[in-house]
Amino acid sequence: MRPLSYTRASTVDEAIATVGADSRSAFLAGGTTEIDLIRLGVTRPDVLVDINSLPLKEIEFTPDAGLRIGALARMTDVARSADVVRRFPVISQALLLGASEQLRNMASMGGNLCQRTRCSYFRDGVSPCNKREPGTGCSAVDGLNRGHAVLGTSDDCIAAHPSDVGVALVALDAVVHTLGPSGARSIPIDDFYLLPGSSPEVEHPLERGELIKAIEVPPTPSAERSLYLKLRDRQSYEFALVSVAVAVDVRDGRVADVRLALGGVGTKPWRARRAEAALTGGPATREAFADAAAVEMEPASPHKDNAFKIPMARRAMVRALDQVVNGDAR
């Protein structure tokens, strides 16, 4: 293996051209995931292209009250923005619960969206893993799979997606803006994350050298009454067993609008569209919340160690919805 080299990009176009021209190169932003994977031998780029000096750090509200976040904005800066806390509390909460203070100070928003799974079989560098080495198999299917997904799985991969803020952004219909060798694109975030199917190594619809420039959250009135609930093995920094991002607008006791997404249970941040459909127009009651949660989890496919996630996810959805509707969601 050739020694790893490092270069700093001075412009967006330079970064795209450098990575686009070399399949063994990679963008480097905060590096909190990329450097770990290189050290573990899971990824082996020859060239790291440092993009930290690029002007992609904005946190600003659009004229229609939407939110635009530059791909290189640090997680801490977004989480602590007074306007984000007030208008999109679910985003701030997901970021604060997503990592330690030290990691949040380093990690970029674009990098968070692209982080790789924490599946131990993927990260050990030696176990059969279709995501790391296509065609070798999925060790988690018959192995230790307590933390793995129960929604969106396939015979080739059951790894859970680790992002917290990705769950909040999926709930709010965010759009990922990119620029690559073929030009600019705007990708709805639910389409930015791909189900594993028979090709779990392909996680995003990005071409070689395509760079995330910004994340845009459309104006969502219900977002001011939103919440991120995270259930995990320990209260300190830990990945979710189950998490819920929810925003609800209730009028005259009925659900006028609801945005619901799940983390920890899906192979991608999971938009709970079945539950949303069951809730919309109906009564804002715990009974209705429980019925909708049960509908959402009907397609779940557990393995030997993670069946507990199904009732846990149902209870978490009810708790989150009830807290937003009847309690203080902030």
Protein backbone atom coordinates (compact mmCIF):
# COMPACT_ATOMS: atom_id res chain seq x y z
CA MET A 1 0.00 0.00 0.00
CA ARG A 2 1.29 3.43 -0.93
CA PRO A 3 1.90 5.95 1.89
CA LEU A 4 -0.98 8.28 2.69
CA SER A 5 -0.50 11.81 1.37
CA TYR A 6 -2.29 15.00 2.30
CA THR A 7 -3.20 18.14 0.40
CA ARG A 8 -5.24 21.22 1.23
CA ALA A 9 -7.84 22.48 -1.25
CA SER A 10 -8.08 26.24 -1.59
CA THR A 11 -11.32 26.28 -3.60
CA VAL A 12 -14.40 24.10 -3.98
CA ASP A 13 -13.58 23.45 -7.63
CA GLU A 14 -10.06 22.35 -6.74
CA ALA A 15 -11.35 19.92 -4.11
CA ILE A 16 -13.87 18.41 -6.52
CA ALA A 17 -11.34 18.09 -9.32
CA THR A 18 -8.73 16.44 -7.09
CA VAL A 19 -11.05 13.81 -5.61
CA GLY A 20 -12.93 13.34 -8.87
CA ALA A 21 -9.72 12.45 -10.69
CA ASP A 22 -8.46 9.82 -8.24
CA SER A 23 -10.54 6.91 -6.95
CA ARG A 24 -8.13 6.46 -4.04
CA SER A 25 -8.66 9.96 -2.67
CA ALA A 26 -11.16 11.27 -0.11
CA PHE A 27 -12.39 14.56 1.30
CA LEU A 28 -11.28 15.37 4.84
CA ALA A 29 -13.36 17.72 7.00
CA GLY A 30 -13.62 17.13 10.76
CA GLY A 31 -12.17 13.67 10.26
CA THR A 32 -13.77 12.18 13.38
CA THR A 33 -14.96 9.14 11.39
CA GLU A 34 -12.58 9.08 8.43
CA ILE A 35 -9.41 9.04 10.52
CA ASP A 36 -10.79 6.26 12.75
CA LEU A 37 -11.56 4.08 9.73
CA ILE A 38 -8.11 4.66 8.24
CA ARG A 39 -6.46 3.70 11.53
CA LEU A 40 -8.57 0.54 11.67
CA GLY A 41 -7.62 -0.35 8.09
CA VAL A 42 -11.27 -0.30 7.00
CA THR A 43 -10.70 2.41 4.39
CA ARG A 44 -7.40 2.92 2.61
CA PRO A 45 -7.27 6.20 0.69
CA ASP A 46 -3.96 7.27 -0.82
CA VAL A 47 -4.77 10.99 -0.69
CA LEU A 48 -6.74 13.05 1.83
CA VAL A 49 -7.98 16.38 0.48
CA ASP A 50 -8.48 18.82 3.37
CA ILE A 51 -11.51 21.02 2.69
CA ASN A 52 -11.69 22.83 6.03
CA SER A 53 -10.67 26.21 4.62
CA LEU A 54 -13.55 26.27 2.09
CA PRO A 55 -16.30 28.87 2.67
CA LEU A 56 -19.02 26.38 3.58
CA LYS A 57 -19.69 27.20 7.24
CA GLU A 58 -22.84 29.33 7.06
CA ILE A 59 -25.77 28.94 9.47
CA GLU A 60 -28.46 31.24 8.16
CA PHE A 61 -32.19 31.53 7.77
CA THR A 62 -33.67 31.92 4.32
CA PRO A 63 -36.21 34.68 3.52
CA ASP A 64 -39.09 32.18 3.85
CA ALA A 65 -37.93 31.11 7.37
CA GLY A 66 -36.16 27.99 6.24
CA LEU A 67 -32.66 27.10 7.43
CA ARG A 68 -29.47 26.70 5.40
CA ILE A 69 -26.46 25.03 6.99
CA GLY A 70 -23.08 24.90 5.28
CA ALA A 71 -21.55 21.45 5.02
CA LEU A 72 -18.51 22.54 7.05
CA ALA A 73 -20.49 24.16 9.87
CA ARG A 74 -19.46 22.48 13.11
CA MET A 75 -22.07 20.52 14.99
CA THR A 76 -21.58 22.59 18.14
CA ASP A 77 -22.14 25.88 16.30
CA VAL A 78 -25.42 24.65 14.81
CA ALA A 79 -26.62 23.12 18.08
CA ARG A 80 -25.89 26.30 20.04
CA SER A 81 -27.38 28.72 17.51
CA ALA A 82 -30.14 30.60 19.35
CA ASP A 83 -32.30 30.70 16.22
CA VAL A 84 -31.92 26.97 15.61
CA VAL A 85 -32.80 26.24 19.25
CA ARG A 86 -35.92 28.39 18.94
CA ARG A 87 -37.16 27.46 15.46
CA PHE A 88 -35.85 23.92 15.02
CA PRO A 89 -35.29 22.50 18.53
CA VAL A 90 -35.27 18.92 17.22
CA ILE A 91 -32.09 19.67 15.24
CA SER A 92 -30.33 21.24 18.21
CA GLN A 93 -31.33 18.38 20.52
CA ALA A 94 -30.22 15.70 18.06
CA LEU A 95 -26.82 17.34 17.72
CA LEU A 96 -26.33 17.74 21.46
CA LEU A 97 -27.28 14.10 22.07
CA GLY A 98 -25.28 12.86 19.11
CA ALA A 99 -21.71 13.26 20.33
CA SER A 100 -19.46 14.47 23.11
CA GLU A 101 -18.55 18.16 23.28
CA GLN A 102 -15.07 17.42 21.93
CA LEU A 103 -16.41 15.58 18.89
CA ARG A 104 -19.10 18.19 18.23
CA ASN A 105 -16.42 20.89 18.16
CA MET A 106 -14.57 19.01 15.40
CA ALA A 107 -17.28 17.26 13.40
CA SER A 108 -18.85 18.92 10.37
CA MET A 109 -22.50 18.70 9.41
CA GLY A 110 -21.75 17.21 5.99
CA GLY A 111 -19.42 14.66 7.53
CA ASN A 112 -22.07 13.66 10.06
CA LEU A 113 -24.50 12.83 7.28
CA CYS A 114 -21.89 10.65 5.57
CA GLN A 115 -20.60 8.81 8.64
CA ARG A 116 -20.30 5.05 8.37
CA THR A 117 -22.00 2.42 10.47
CA ARG A 118 -20.61 1.39 13.86
CA CYS A 119 -21.29 -2.29 13.14
CA SER A 120 -18.36 -4.11 14.76
CA TYR A 121 -18.07 -6.56 11.87
CA PHE A 122 -17.66 -3.66 9.42
CA ARG A 123 -15.09 -1.94 11.60
CA ASP A 124 -12.95 -4.92 12.61
CA GLY A 125 -11.45 -5.10 9.12
CA VAL A 126 -11.43 -8.91 8.97
CA SER A 127 -14.96 -10.30 9.36
CA PRO A 128 -17.04 -10.99 6.24
CA CYS A 129 -18.90 -7.75 5.52
CA ASN A 130 -20.70 -6.85 2.31
CA LYS A 131 -20.52 -3.16 3.12
CA ARG A 132 -16.72 -3.25 3.41
CA GLU A 133 -15.99 -6.04 0.91
CA PRO A 134 -18.96 -6.74 -1.39
CA GLY A 135 -19.79 -10.39 -1.84
CA THR A 136 -18.20 -11.67 1.36
CA GLY A 137 -21.42 -11.94 3.37
CA CYS A 138 -22.95 -10.27 6.43
CA SER A 139 -21.52 -11.58 9.69
CA ALA A 140 -24.16 -9.77 11.74
CA VAL A 141 -27.08 -11.81 10.39
CA ASP A 142 -26.08 -14.87 12.42
CA GLY A 143 -23.70 -13.07 14.78
CA LEU A 144 -24.04 -10.54 17.57
CA ASN A 145 -26.73 -8.18 16.34
CA ARG A 146 -28.25 -6.48 19.39
CA GLY A 147 -27.53 -2.99 18.04
CA HIS A 148 -28.52 -3.72 14.47
CA ALA A 149 -31.49 -2.63 12.36
CA VAL A 150 -34.96 -4.10 12.18
CA LEU A 151 -36.28 -1.87 9.36
CA GLY A 152 -34.93 -1.58 5.82
CA THR A 153 -32.72 -4.63 6.16
CA SER A 154 -31.75 -7.16 3.51
CA ASP A 155 -30.06 -10.55 3.43
CA ASP A 156 -26.85 -8.68 2.60
CA CYS A 157 -26.80 -6.12 5.43
CA ILE A 158 -28.57 -5.34 8.70
CA ALA A 159 -26.26 -2.54 9.94
CA ALA A 160 -28.01 0.36 11.66
CA HIS A 161 -27.25 3.90 10.57
CA PRO A 162 -25.58 5.89 13.38
CA SER A 163 -26.49 9.53 12.69
CA ASP A 164 -28.72 11.40 15.15
CA VAL A 165 -29.11 14.69 13.32
CA GLY A 166 -29.78 12.74 10.12
CA VAL A 167 -32.96 11.46 11.78
CA ALA A 168 -34.10 15.00 12.62
CA LEU A 169 -33.31 16.24 9.12
CA VAL A 170 -35.20 13.34 7.51
CA ALA A 171 -38.24 14.18 9.64
CA LEU A 172 -38.10 17.80 8.42
CA ASP A 173 -37.69 17.00 4.69
CA ALA A 174 -34.25 18.57 4.43
CA VAL A 175 -32.49 18.83 1.08
CA VAL A 176 -28.80 18.10 0.52
CA HIS A 177 -27.15 20.47 -1.96
CA THR A 178 -24.08 19.11 -3.74
CA LEU A 179 -21.61 20.08 -6.42
CA GLY A 180 -19.62 17.57 -8.43
CA PRO A 181 -17.96 16.96 -11.78
CA SER A 182 -21.41 16.80 -13.40
CA GLY A 183 -22.65 20.01 -11.81
CA ALA A 184 -24.96 20.99 -8.96
CA ARG A 185 -27.70 18.80 -7.52
CA SER A 186 -30.38 19.07 -4.84
CA ILE A 187 -31.13 15.69 -3.26
CA PRO A 188 -34.06 15.17 -0.85
CA ILE A 189 -32.43 13.76 2.26
CA ASP A 190 -34.61 10.64 2.32
CA ASP A 191 -33.18 9.86 -1.15
CA PHE A 192 -29.65 10.75 0.00
CA TYR A 193 -29.69 7.63 2.19
CA LEU A 194 -29.95 4.35 0.26
CA LEU A 195 -31.31 1.05 1.53
CA PRO A 196 -28.71 -1.73 1.45
CA GLY A 197 -30.58 -4.11 -0.85
CA SER A 198 -28.01 -6.22 -2.68
CA SER A 199 -25.38 -3.45 -2.74
CA PRO A 200 -24.87 -2.24 0.85
CA GLU A 201 -21.48 -0.75 -0.05
CA VAL A 202 -23.34 2.03 -1.93
CA GLU A 203 -24.72 4.26 0.82
CA HIS A 204 -25.38 7.54 -1.03
CA PRO A 205 -26.14 8.51 -4.65
CA LEU A 206 -22.95 10.60 -4.87
CA GLU A 207 -20.58 10.38 -7.80
CA ARG A 208 -16.80 10.36 -7.40
CA GLY A 209 -15.74 13.87 -6.37
CA GLU A 210 -19.24 15.10 -5.53
CA LEU A 211 -19.10 17.38 -2.50
CA ILE A 212 -21.88 18.32 -0.11
CA LYS A 213 -22.09 22.12 -0.03
CA ALA A 214 -25.09 22.76 2.20
CA ILE A 215 -28.13 21.31 3.91
CA GLU A 216 -31.38 23.20 3.54
CA VAL A 217 -34.35 22.72 5.86
CA PRO A 218 -37.61 24.07 4.41
CA PRO A 219 -39.90 26.26 6.52
CA THR A 220 -41.84 23.92 8.79
CA PRO A 221 -44.24 25.64 11.22
CA SER A 222 -44.63 22.50 13.34
CA ALA A 223 -40.85 22.37 13.86
CA GLU A 224 -41.05 24.94 16.67
CA ARG A 225 -42.87 22.25 18.65
CA SER A 226 -40.45 19.43 18.03
CA LEU A 227 -38.41 16.96 20.04
CA TYR A 228 -35.58 14.45 19.73
CA LEU A 229 -35.83 11.50 22.09
CA LYS A 230 -32.85 9.14 22.34
CA LEU A 231 -32.82 5.81 24.19
CA ARG A 232 -29.41 4.24 24.76
CA ASP A 233 -27.56 1.90 27.07
CA ARG A 234 -25.94 4.69 29.06
CA GLN A 235 -26.60 8.37 29.50
CA SER A 236 -23.12 9.46 28.44
CA TYR A 237 -22.05 9.55 24.78
CA GLU A 238 -23.50 6.44 23.15
CA PHE A 239 -25.27 5.49 19.93
CA ALA A 240 -29.04 5.08 19.95
CA LEU A 241 -30.82 1.80 20.48
CA VAL A 242 -33.94 3.72 19.44
CA SER A 243 -34.43 7.40 18.77
CA VAL A 244 -37.38 9.48 17.63
CA ALA A 245 -37.55 12.87 15.92
CA VAL A 246 -41.03 14.34 16.01
CA ALA A 247 -42.76 17.61 15.12
CA VAL A 248 -46.54 17.93 15.53
CA ASP A 249 -49.16 20.56 14.81
CA VAL A 250 -52.41 19.89 16.72
CA ARG A 251 -55.55 21.89 16.06
CA ASP A 252 -58.79 21.41 17.96
CA GLY A 253 -57.50 18.19 19.41
CA ARG A 254 -56.65 16.63 16.05
CA VAL A 255 -53.31 16.11 14.30
CA ALA A 256 -53.08 18.65 11.48
CA ASP A 257 -49.46 17.87 10.61
CA VAL A 258 -46.92 15.40 11.94
CA ARG A 259 -43.30 14.68 11.05
CA LEU A 260 -41.86 11.49 12.51
CA ALA A 261 -38.55 9.69 11.96
CA LEU A 262 -36.68 6.93 13.78
CA GLY A 263 -33.03 6.22 14.49
CA GLY A 264 -31.28 3.12 15.75
CA VAL A 265 -33.81 0.78 14.14
CA GLY A 266 -33.22 1.37 10.43
CA THR A 267 -30.43 0.80 7.95
CA LYS A 268 -30.93 4.50 7.19
CA PRO A 269 -32.59 7.31 9.17
CA TRP A 270 -36.13 6.01 8.98
CA ARG A 271 -39.05 8.25 8.00
CA ALA A 272 -42.09 6.83 9.77
CA ARG A 273 -44.53 7.47 6.95
CA ARG A 274 -46.94 4.69 7.92
CA ALA A 275 -47.33 6.23 11.38
CA GLU A 276 -47.68 9.73 9.91
CA ALA A 277 -50.48 8.57 7.62
CA ALA A 278 -52.26 6.86 10.51
CA LEU A 279 -52.02 9.96 12.70
CA THR A 280 -52.85 12.77 10.26
CA GLY A 281 -56.38 14.04 10.73
CA GLY A 282 -56.99 11.83 13.74
CA PRO A 283 -57.21 12.53 17.46
CA ALA A 284 -54.07 13.55 19.32
CA THR A 285 -54.41 10.89 22.02
CA ARG A 286 -52.07 8.30 23.51
CA GLU A 287 -54.30 5.55 22.15
CA ALA A 288 -53.99 6.95 18.62
CA PHE A 289 -50.23 7.37 19.07
CA ALA A 290 -49.90 3.73 20.17
CA ASP A 291 -51.95 2.48 17.22
CA ALA A 292 -49.85 4.49 14.76
CA ALA A 293 -46.61 3.27 16.32
CA ALA A 294 -47.76 -0.33 16.01
CA VAL A 295 -48.58 0.23 12.34
CA GLU A 296 -45.11 1.67 11.71
CA MET A 297 -43.33 -1.31 13.21
CA GLU A 298 -45.41 -4.00 11.46
CA PRO A 299 -42.81 -4.54 8.68
CA ALA A 300 -39.93 -4.87 11.18
CA SER A 301 -37.67 -7.89 10.71
CA PRO A 302 -35.77 -8.70 13.92
CA HIS A 303 -32.86 -11.06 14.45
CA LYS A 304 -31.99 -13.14 17.47
CA ASP A 305 -30.61 -10.34 19.66
CA ASN A 306 -32.60 -7.24 18.63
CA ALA A 307 -36.30 -8.11 18.74
CA PHE A 308 -36.56 -5.88 21.83
CA LYS A 309 -36.16 -2.85 19.56
CA ILE A 310 -39.68 -3.29 18.17
CA PRO A 311 -41.63 -2.70 21.42
CA MET A 312 -39.01 -0.16 22.48
CA ALA A 313 -39.57 1.82 19.27
CA ARG A 314 -43.33 1.70 19.72
CA ARG A 315 -43.08 3.01 23.27
CA ALA A 316 -40.56 5.68 22.25
CA MET A 317 -42.85 7.02 19.53
CA VAL A 318 -45.77 7.25 21.97
CA ARG A 319 -43.60 8.95 24.58
CA ALA A 320 -42.18 11.48 22.12
CA LEU A 321 -45.55 12.33 20.59
CA ASP A 322 -47.18 12.65 24.00
CA GLN A 323 -44.38 14.86 25.28
CA VAL A 324 -44.67 17.26 22.34
CA VAL A 325 -48.47 17.41 22.43
CA ASN A 326 -49.07 17.45 26.17
CA GLY A 327 -45.76 18.46 27.71
CA ASP A 328 -42.93 20.90 27.19
CA ALA A 329 -41.09 19.76 24.03
CA ARG A 330 -38.21 22.06 24.76
